[in-house]
């Protein structure tokens, strides 16, 4: 039972929600390249290993900060997972992500490594400065490139741009619930410097721009819909404590992800 509890806590420390979401998007994109089920599963395994390493490193580096503000849902800070165990998990999953990328070729492996290095840099300190959004833009923007280079060739530039925009929006959205706790522990990333209202507006603008990049010929339908949802969310979300604006941004982001997957990466 003790080992099961440790494994469960270690899973929670990996940020499983974002890890699974990014893995699912990568697998969906891989399926559009024409590769077989084995290739899709291998893509998913490589991306999942990388995402787990990023999540574990995040909780390991932030353990002292999280403990100081008694942040809930942080197994390493709470002592449910030892720092040694978290470090071993990072040191196992990070190389695994690179090794699992090797069958897709040197270019794809290099791109995946750069994307992961960018995410690790965020965990290791970039998150606390004014360029905190940059790793999100780089890492998410390179995801379609990793998938495409493993099968179909270079991805369309607009897919990389849209992914970078969505990743940047994710940074602002993810930071919003923890602005006060982060500020109390010395984290002063871009969302903290802008504040909640401006960060929400930035996330809304980023997902709307992603909609414009992805919509193409459907822009006359998609853009007014996205703009209406965001406008209503920002207007209704002006009430103190309201999360309407946050939910509106997430809703349009999900629409953008659906368009991203439906566009796909076609074999050349």
Protein backbone atom coordinates (compact mmCIF):
# COMPACT_ATOMS: atom_id res chain seq x y z
CA UNK A 1 0.00 0.00 0.00
CA UNK A 2 2.87 2.36 0.77
CA UNK A 3 4.31 1.91 -2.72
CA UNK A 4 0.88 2.46 -4.27
CA UNK A 5 0.46 5.69 -2.30
CA UNK A 6 3.89 6.89 -3.41
CA UNK A 7 3.12 6.06 -7.05
CA UNK A 8 -0.21 7.87 -6.82
CA UNK A 9 1.42 10.94 -5.30
CA UNK A 10 4.18 10.87 -7.91
CA UNK A 11 1.55 10.80 -10.63
CA UNK A 12 -0.17 13.84 -9.13
CA UNK A 13 3.18 15.64 -8.96
CA UNK A 14 3.64 15.22 -12.71
CA UNK A 15 0.81 17.68 -13.54
CA UNK A 16 -1.16 14.86 -15.23
CA UNK A 17 -3.87 17.08 -16.71
CA UNK A 18 -1.61 19.22 -18.91
CA UNK A 19 0.64 16.22 -19.64
CA UNK A 20 -2.24 14.15 -20.98
CA UNK A 21 -3.69 17.11 -22.90
CA UNK A 22 -0.43 17.89 -24.71
CA UNK A 23 0.15 14.18 -25.39
CA UNK A 24 -3.34 13.82 -26.84
CA UNK A 25 -2.80 16.80 -29.15
CA UNK A 26 0.53 15.38 -30.33
CA UNK A 27 -1.05 11.97 -30.97
CA UNK A 28 -3.92 13.59 -32.85
CA UNK A 29 -1.52 15.52 -35.05
CA UNK A 30 0.57 12.38 -35.61
CA UNK A 31 -2.52 10.54 -36.82
CA UNK A 32 -2.95 13.14 -39.58
CA UNK A 33 0.52 12.46 -41.00
CA UNK A 34 -0.43 9.04 -42.30
CA UNK A 35 1.76 7.07 -39.88
CA UNK A 36 0.45 3.76 -38.53
CA UNK A 37 -0.86 3.06 -35.04
CA UNK A 38 2.62 2.14 -33.82
CA UNK A 39 4.00 5.46 -34.99
CA UNK A 40 1.18 7.37 -33.31
CA UNK A 41 1.73 5.49 -30.05
CA UNK A 42 5.47 6.10 -30.18
CA UNK A 43 4.89 9.80 -30.74
CA UNK A 44 2.55 9.84 -27.76
CA UNK A 45 5.08 7.97 -25.61
CA UNK A 46 7.89 10.40 -26.46
CA UNK A 47 5.76 13.46 -25.75
CA UNK A 48 4.30 11.98 -22.56
CA UNK A 49 7.77 11.17 -21.19
CA UNK A 50 8.85 14.73 -21.87
CA UNK A 51 5.76 16.22 -20.28
CA UNK A 52 6.20 14.08 -17.18
CA UNK A 53 9.80 15.28 -16.84
CA UNK A 54 8.66 18.90 -17.06
CA UNK A 55 5.93 18.41 -14.45
CA UNK A 56 8.16 16.59 -11.98
CA UNK A 57 10.96 19.13 -12.38
CA UNK A 58 8.47 21.94 -11.78
CA UNK A 59 7.26 20.48 -8.48
CA UNK A 60 10.81 19.59 -7.41
CA UNK A 61 12.18 23.09 -8.03
CA UNK A 62 9.13 24.78 -6.49
CA UNK A 63 8.89 22.53 -3.41
CA UNK A 64 10.17 25.17 -0.97
CA UNK A 65 7.95 27.89 -2.43
CA UNK A 66 4.89 25.62 -2.44
CA UNK A 67 5.51 24.58 1.17
CA UNK A 68 5.90 28.21 2.25
CA UNK A 69 2.43 29.16 1.01
CA UNK A 70 0.94 25.74 1.79
CA UNK A 71 -0.19 25.27 -1.77
CA UNK A 72 -2.58 22.36 -2.08
CA UNK A 73 -2.09 19.47 -4.49
CA UNK A 74 1.72 19.55 -4.32
CA UNK A 75 2.92 16.11 -3.17
CA UNK A 76 6.64 16.97 -3.14
CA UNK A 77 6.12 20.07 -0.99
CA UNK A 78 3.81 18.10 1.31
CA UNK A 79 6.38 15.35 1.78
CA UNK A 80 4.20 12.69 0.14
CA UNK A 81 6.98 12.20 -2.42
CA UNK A 82 10.61 12.62 -1.42
CA UNK A 83 12.73 15.04 -3.39
CA UNK A 84 15.10 12.19 -4.17
CA UNK A 85 12.24 10.21 -5.74
CA UNK A 86 11.14 13.25 -7.76
CA UNK A 87 14.70 13.80 -8.97
CA UNK A 88 15.02 10.15 -10.01
CA UNK A 89 11.73 10.48 -11.91
CA UNK A 90 13.06 13.53 -13.77
CA UNK A 91 16.38 11.85 -14.55
CA UNK A 92 14.54 8.80 -15.92
CA UNK A 93 11.80 10.50 -17.94
CA UNK A 94 13.89 13.26 -19.56
CA UNK A 95 16.35 10.92 -21.35
CA UNK A 96 13.48 8.56 -22.15
CA UNK A 97 11.74 11.35 -24.06
CA UNK A 98 14.84 11.90 -26.19
CA UNK A 99 15.47 8.18 -26.77
CA UNK A 100 11.83 7.61 -27.78
CA UNK A 101 12.21 10.43 -30.32
CA UNK A 102 15.21 8.84 -32.07
CA UNK A 103 13.19 6.55 -34.42
CA UNK A 104 11.74 9.71 -36.02
CA UNK A 105 15.15 10.94 -37.13
CA UNK A 106 17.81 13.39 -36.05
CA UNK A 107 15.87 16.53 -37.00
CA UNK A 108 12.73 15.52 -35.09
CA UNK A 109 14.79 14.46 -32.08
CA UNK A 110 16.68 17.76 -32.05
CA UNK A 111 13.45 19.75 -32.26
CA UNK A 112 11.89 17.76 -29.41
CA UNK A 113 15.01 18.27 -27.28
CA UNK A 114 14.93 22.04 -27.87
CA UNK A 115 11.23 22.12 -26.95
CA UNK A 116 11.93 20.23 -23.74
CA UNK A 117 15.00 22.31 -22.90
CA UNK A 118 12.83 25.41 -23.23
CA UNK A 119 10.26 23.94 -20.82
CA UNK A 120 12.98 22.87 -18.36
CA UNK A 121 14.44 26.39 -18.50
CA UNK A 122 11.03 27.72 -17.49
CA UNK A 123 10.99 25.43 -14.45
CA UNK A 124 14.56 26.35 -13.54
CA UNK A 125 14.01 30.09 -13.32
CA UNK A 126 12.65 31.74 -16.45
CA UNK A 127 9.17 31.55 -14.92
CA UNK A 128 10.17 34.19 -12.37
CA UNK A 129 11.14 36.86 -14.89
CA UNK A 130 9.55 39.11 -17.52
CA UNK A 131 10.22 36.59 -20.33
CA UNK A 132 8.21 33.84 -18.64
CA UNK A 133 5.91 33.47 -21.64
CA UNK A 134 8.79 32.73 -24.02
CA UNK A 135 9.31 29.04 -23.09
CA UNK A 136 5.60 28.37 -23.59
CA UNK A 137 5.69 29.96 -27.04
CA UNK A 138 8.82 28.05 -28.05
CA UNK A 139 7.85 24.66 -26.64
CA UNK A 140 4.28 24.66 -27.93
CA UNK A 141 5.32 26.16 -31.25
CA UNK A 142 7.80 23.33 -31.82
CA UNK A 143 5.31 20.55 -31.06
CA UNK A 144 3.85 20.43 -34.62
CA UNK A 145 7.40 20.57 -35.99
CA UNK A 146 8.45 17.51 -33.96
CA UNK A 147 5.41 15.58 -35.14
CA UNK A 148 5.76 16.63 -38.77
CA UNK A 149 9.49 16.03 -39.03
CA UNK A 150 8.88 12.50 -37.83
CA UNK A 151 6.78 11.69 -40.85
CA UNK A 152 5.32 14.26 -43.21
CA UNK A 153 8.17 16.75 -43.50
CA UNK A 154 8.29 20.38 -42.33
CA UNK A 155 4.95 21.55 -40.89
CA UNK A 156 2.99 24.52 -42.24
CA UNK A 157 4.27 27.67 -40.57
CA UNK A 158 0.76 28.66 -39.55
CA UNK A 159 0.40 25.52 -37.43
CA UNK A 160 3.58 26.38 -35.55
CA UNK A 161 2.41 29.99 -35.12
CA UNK A 162 -1.02 28.91 -33.89
CA UNK A 163 0.53 26.43 -31.45
CA UNK A 164 2.88 29.13 -30.13
CA UNK A 165 -0.05 31.50 -29.63
CA UNK A 166 -2.06 28.84 -27.80
CA UNK A 167 0.93 27.96 -25.64
CA UNK A 168 1.40 31.61 -24.73
CA UNK A 169 -2.28 31.88 -23.82
CA UNK A 170 -1.93 28.76 -21.68
CA UNK A 171 0.83 30.47 -19.71
CA UNK A 172 -1.41 33.38 -18.76
CA UNK A 173 -4.38 31.13 -17.98
CA UNK A 174 -2.29 28.75 -15.85
CA UNK A 175 -0.78 31.61 -13.85
CA UNK A 176 -4.06 33.33 -12.98
CA UNK A 177 -5.13 31.13 -10.02
CA UNK A 178 -1.71 31.38 -8.35
CA UNK A 179 -0.80 35.04 -8.82
CA UNK A 180 -0.96 35.89 -5.12
CA UNK A 181 0.91 32.79 -3.92
CA UNK A 182 3.58 33.21 -6.59
CA UNK A 183 4.10 36.87 -5.74
CA UNK A 184 4.50 35.94 -2.06
CA UNK A 185 7.38 33.61 -2.96
CA UNK A 186 9.24 35.95 -5.30
CA UNK A 187 7.90 34.74 -8.65
CA UNK A 188 7.44 37.77 -10.89
CA UNK A 189 6.67 36.38 -14.31
CA UNK A 190 4.95 38.38 -17.03
CA UNK A 191 1.40 37.58 -15.80
CA UNK A 192 2.34 38.77 -12.31
CA UNK A 193 3.71 42.02 -13.70
CA UNK A 194 0.60 42.62 -15.80
CA UNK A 195 -1.93 41.62 -13.15
CA UNK A 196 -5.04 39.48 -13.41
CA UNK A 197 -7.14 41.75 -15.64
CA UNK A 198 -4.44 42.42 -18.22
CA UNK A 199 -3.31 38.79 -18.20
CA UNK A 200 -6.86 37.65 -18.90
CA UNK A 201 -7.10 40.16 -21.75
CA UNK A 202 -3.73 38.97 -23.11
CA UNK A 203 -4.89 35.35 -23.06
CA UNK A 204 -8.10 36.35 -24.84
CA UNK A 205 -6.19 38.23 -27.54
CA UNK A 206 -3.80 35.31 -28.04
CA UNK A 207 -6.53 32.69 -28.48
CA UNK A 208 -8.47 35.02 -30.79
CA UNK A 209 -5.35 35.51 -32.92
CA UNK A 210 -4.85 31.75 -32.98
CA UNK A 211 -8.43 31.42 -34.19
CA UNK A 212 -7.67 33.84 -37.02
CA UNK A 213 -4.53 31.92 -37.99
CA UNK A 214 -6.32 28.56 -38.03
CA UNK A 215 -9.74 29.50 -39.35
CA UNK A 216 -8.75 30.15 -42.98
CA UNK A 217 -11.80 30.11 -45.24
CA UNK A 218 -14.05 29.57 -42.20
CA UNK A 219 -12.94 32.82 -40.60
CA UNK A 220 -16.24 34.53 -41.35
CA UNK A 221 -17.94 32.03 -39.03
CA UNK A 222 -15.25 31.20 -36.48
CA UNK A 223 -13.87 34.66 -35.73
CA UNK A 224 -17.20 36.35 -34.91
CA UNK A 225 -18.11 33.38 -32.72
CA UNK A 226 -14.77 33.46 -30.90
CA UNK A 227 -14.92 37.23 -30.53
CA UNK A 228 -18.48 37.07 -29.16
CA UNK A 229 -17.57 34.42 -26.59
CA UNK A 230 -14.49 36.34 -25.46
CA UNK A 231 -16.28 39.67 -25.42
CA UNK A 232 -19.12 38.31 -23.32
CA UNK A 233 -16.68 36.58 -20.99
CA UNK A 234 -14.57 39.70 -20.45
CA UNK A 235 -17.67 41.83 -19.90
CA UNK A 236 -19.39 39.48 -17.47
CA UNK A 237 -16.09 38.60 -15.80
CA UNK A 238 -15.57 42.13 -14.50
CA UNK A 239 -17.41 41.23 -11.30
CA UNK A 240 -15.04 40.59 -8.36
CA UNK A 241 -14.29 36.88 -7.99
CA UNK A 242 -15.89 35.95 -11.31
CA UNK A 243 -14.19 33.29 -13.43
CA UNK A 244 -16.41 33.90 -16.48
CA UNK A 245 -13.59 35.51 -18.46
CA UNK A 246 -11.28 32.60 -17.61
CA UNK A 247 -13.87 30.08 -18.81
CA UNK A 248 -14.46 32.05 -22.01
CA UNK A 249 -10.74 32.00 -22.82
CA UNK A 250 -10.56 28.26 -22.16
CA UNK A 251 -13.63 27.63 -24.34
CA UNK A 252 -12.14 29.47 -27.33
CA UNK A 253 -8.78 27.77 -26.72
CA UNK A 254 -10.55 24.39 -26.97
CA UNK A 255 -12.13 25.54 -30.24
CA UNK A 256 -8.67 26.44 -31.51
CA UNK A 257 -7.28 23.04 -30.51
CA UNK A 258 -10.13 21.37 -32.40
CA UNK A 259 -9.28 23.44 -35.48
CA UNK A 260 -5.59 22.64 -35.04
CA UNK A 261 -6.35 18.91 -35.05
CA UNK A 262 -8.80 19.15 -37.94
CA UNK A 263 -6.23 21.04 -40.01
CA UNK A 264 -3.64 18.40 -39.21
CA UNK A 265 -0.29 17.76 -40.88
CA UNK A 266 -0.80 16.15 -44.23
CA UNK A 267 1.90 13.92 -45.72
CA UNK A 268 3.95 15.65 -48.41
